Amino acid sequence: MSNPFLAEIRIFSGNFAPKGWALCDGQLMPISQNTALFSLLGTTYGGDGRSNFALPNLQGSAPLHLARALACRSVSWARAAASRR
């Protein structure tokens, strides 16, 4: 995988995490072995913040590109504006 950055989430079709990556399945990670990642995520997704923190749990979620989400929102705004006229 080319030029990854810390805390990056990428779509991957497999039942294992590539070397140097972790699955977004809510697993607890030890802070002592992942201090840089903990400094970015904190306890946003769980963990006690003293000895561990959790990765996000994206199981059962579907990816959606930001541009598509923004396009859907702008269409909704346009419809709402048109209905007020």
Protein backbone atom coordinates (compact mmCIF):
# COMPACT_ATOMS: atom_id res chain seq x y z
CA MET A 1 0.00 0.00 0.00
CA SER A 2 1.49 3.27 -1.08
CA ASN A 3 2.34 6.11 1.30
CA PRO A 4 -0.05 5.42 4.19
CA PHE A 5 -0.37 7.96 6.97
CA LEU A 6 -1.07 7.38 10.66
CA ALA A 7 -4.75 6.71 11.49
CA GLU A 8 -5.67 6.33 7.80
CA ILE A 9 -8.68 4.17 7.00
CA ARG A 10 -8.71 2.37 3.65
CA ILE A 11 -11.20 0.00 2.12
CA PHE A 12 -9.73 -3.49 1.90
CA SER A 13 -11.51 -6.62 0.70
CA GLY A 14 -10.04 -9.36 2.79
CA ASN A 15 -10.49 -11.14 6.07
CA PHE A 16 -7.07 -10.11 7.43
CA ALA A 17 -5.26 -6.84 7.97
CA PRO A 18 -2.23 -6.18 5.75
CA LYS A 19 1.14 -5.95 7.50
CA GLY A 20 1.34 -2.77 9.58
CA TRP A 21 -2.44 -2.20 9.50
CA ALA A 22 -5.33 -3.13 11.84
CA LEU A 23 -8.96 -3.89 11.14
CA CYS A 24 -11.60 -1.32 12.15
CA ASP A 25 -13.48 -3.84 14.26
CA GLY A 26 -13.52 -2.06 17.61
CA GLN A 27 -10.53 -3.92 18.98
CA LEU A 28 -8.69 -2.60 22.02
CA MET A 29 -5.09 -1.53 21.43
CA PRO A 30 -2.45 -1.07 24.15
CA ILE A 31 -1.39 2.57 24.49
CA SER A 32 2.18 1.57 25.36
CA GLN A 33 2.66 -0.01 21.92
CA ASN A 34 0.67 2.59 19.93
CA THR A 35 1.36 5.98 21.51
CA ALA A 36 1.28 7.99 18.27
CA LEU A 37 -2.05 6.47 17.20
CA PHE A 38 -3.48 7.04 20.68
CA SER A 39 -2.45 10.69 20.50
CA LEU A 40 -4.67 11.06 17.41
CA LEU A 41 -7.65 8.88 18.39
CA GLY A 42 -7.68 9.18 22.18
CA THR A 43 -10.69 7.41 23.66
CA THR A 44 -13.06 8.57 20.92
CA TYR A 45 -14.00 4.97 20.10
CA GLY A 46 -13.61 3.49 23.59
CA GLY A 47 -10.98 2.22 25.95
CA ASP A 48 -9.99 3.41 29.40
CA GLY A 49 -7.37 5.96 28.26
CA ARG A 50 -4.81 4.67 30.78
CA SER A 51 -3.71 1.36 29.33
CA ASN A 52 -5.79 0.92 26.17
CA PHE A 53 -7.91 2.61 23.53
CA ALA A 54 -10.27 1.27 20.88
CA LEU A 55 -10.24 1.43 17.11
CA PRO A 56 -13.48 2.39 15.36
CA ASN A 57 -15.91 -0.43 14.67
CA LEU A 58 -16.96 -0.18 11.04
CA GLN A 59 -18.35 -3.70 10.76
CA GLY A 60 -21.66 -3.69 8.94
CA SER A 61 -21.05 -0.20 7.55
CA ALA A 62 -20.99 0.78 3.90
CA PRO A 63 -18.41 3.20 2.48
CA LEU A 64 -19.66 6.46 1.03
CA HIS A 65 -17.47 8.93 -0.81
CA LEU A 66 -17.62 12.45 0.62
CA ALA A 67 -18.34 14.02 -2.77
CA ARG A 68 -21.43 11.85 -3.14
CA ALA A 69 -22.63 12.75 0.34
CA LEU A 70 -22.17 16.46 -0.37
CA ALA A 71 -23.97 16.14 -3.70
CA CYS A 72 -26.93 14.48 -1.98
CA ARG A 73 -27.02 17.24 0.63
CA SER A 74 -26.95 20.00 -1.97
CA VAL A 75 -29.79 18.34 -3.87
CA SER A 76 -31.79 18.21 -0.64
CA TRP A 77 -31.09 21.90 -0.02
CA ALA A 78 -32.15 22.74 -3.56
CA ARG A 79 -35.41 20.84 -3.13
CA ALA A 80 -36.08 22.51 0.21
CA ALA A 81 -35.46 25.95 -1.31
CA ALA A 82 -37.68 25.18 -4.30
CA SER A 83 -40.52 23.96 -2.09
CA ARG A 84 -40.51 27.26 -0.15
CA ARG A 85 -41.23 29.29 -3.31
